[in-house]
């Protein structure tokens, strides 16, 4: 089994290919750029799982927990 295939299952090896540290590991000689490219090709495509942009959600109705009343301001609770 190749090193990049093991990286998916072995947490110690997967740390070598971590996006945040991979450049450092390449400079140190722990992995090669070619190893990293192979590893990237083995990853599943998860593009369909992402949320792009952001749908605008309108909150026209008040929360059920708050009821239809508007919340009191702290000044409403002061005496006098």
Protein backbone atom coordinates (compact mmCIF):
# COMPACT_ATOMS: atom_id res chain seq x y z
CA UNK A 1 0.00 0.00 0.00
CA UNK A 2 1.35 3.46 -0.87
CA UNK A 3 2.05 6.19 1.64
CA UNK A 4 -0.76 8.46 0.39
CA UNK A 5 -3.34 5.66 0.59
CA UNK A 6 -2.25 5.01 4.18
CA UNK A 7 -2.62 8.70 4.98
CA UNK A 8 -6.39 8.47 4.74
CA UNK A 9 -6.52 5.89 7.52
CA UNK A 10 -3.39 6.57 9.59
CA UNK A 11 -3.71 9.78 11.62
CA UNK A 12 0.07 10.19 11.93
CA UNK A 13 0.54 10.11 8.17
CA UNK A 14 -2.49 12.28 7.49
CA UNK A 15 -0.84 15.01 9.60
CA UNK A 16 1.99 15.14 7.05
CA UNK A 17 -0.51 16.09 4.35
CA UNK A 18 -2.46 18.59 6.46
CA UNK A 19 -3.10 21.75 4.47
CA UNK A 20 -1.75 23.90 7.29
CA UNK A 21 1.61 22.10 7.55
CA UNK A 22 2.23 20.47 4.18
CA UNK A 23 4.60 23.17 2.89
CA UNK A 24 6.75 22.86 6.02
CA UNK A 25 6.82 19.07 5.68
CA UNK A 26 7.89 19.33 2.04
CA UNK A 27 10.70 21.75 2.98
CA UNK A 28 11.85 19.39 5.74
CA UNK A 29 11.91 16.51 3.27
CA UNK A 30 9.31 14.46 5.13
CA UNK A 31 7.21 14.21 1.95
CA UNK A 32 7.69 15.27 -1.65
CA UNK A 33 5.52 17.52 -3.75
CA UNK A 34 4.77 14.46 -5.89
CA UNK A 35 3.53 12.56 -2.80
CA UNK A 36 1.28 15.47 -1.95
CA UNK A 37 -0.15 15.67 -5.47
CA UNK A 38 -0.90 11.92 -5.37
CA UNK A 39 -2.59 12.35 -2.01
CA UNK A 40 -4.79 15.15 -3.34
CA UNK A 41 -5.92 12.95 -6.22
CA UNK A 42 -7.05 10.24 -3.78
CA UNK A 43 -9.40 12.60 -1.93
CA UNK A 44 -13.12 12.38 -2.64
CA UNK A 45 -14.84 15.23 -4.44
CA UNK A 46 -17.10 16.92 -1.92
CA UNK A 47 -18.08 19.95 -3.98
CA UNK A 48 -21.74 18.96 -3.89
CA UNK A 49 -21.72 19.06 -0.08
CA UNK A 50 -20.74 22.72 0.14
CA UNK A 51 -22.95 25.76 0.50
CA UNK A 52 -22.02 28.54 -1.87
CA UNK A 53 -22.85 32.16 -1.35
CA UNK A 54 -25.53 32.17 1.21
CA UNK A 55 -29.23 32.08 0.79
CA UNK A 56 -30.88 35.04 2.41
CA UNK A 57 -33.24 33.91 5.10
CA UNK A 58 -36.06 36.24 6.00
CA UNK A 59 -37.14 36.17 9.58
CA UNK A 60 -40.56 37.78 9.19
CA UNK A 61 -42.24 35.81 11.94
CA UNK A 62 -41.20 36.14 15.59
CA UNK A 63 -39.69 33.19 17.37
CA UNK A 64 -42.17 31.00 19.21
CA UNK A 65 -40.09 31.18 22.38
CA UNK A 66 -40.23 34.98 22.40
CA UNK A 67 -43.89 35.10 21.47
CA UNK A 68 -45.40 38.01 19.60
CA UNK A 69 -44.25 40.55 22.19
CA UNK A 70 -41.19 42.68 21.66
CA UNK A 71 -38.40 42.16 24.18
CA UNK A 72 -38.12 44.75 26.95
CA UNK A 73 -35.14 47.04 27.03
CA UNK A 74 -33.10 47.20 30.26
CA UNK A 75 -34.27 50.81 30.72
CA UNK A 76 -37.88 49.61 31.08
CA UNK A 77 -36.96 47.79 34.29
CA UNK A 78 -35.46 50.84 36.07
CA UNK A 79 -37.48 52.38 38.91
CA UNK A 80 -38.83 55.76 38.63
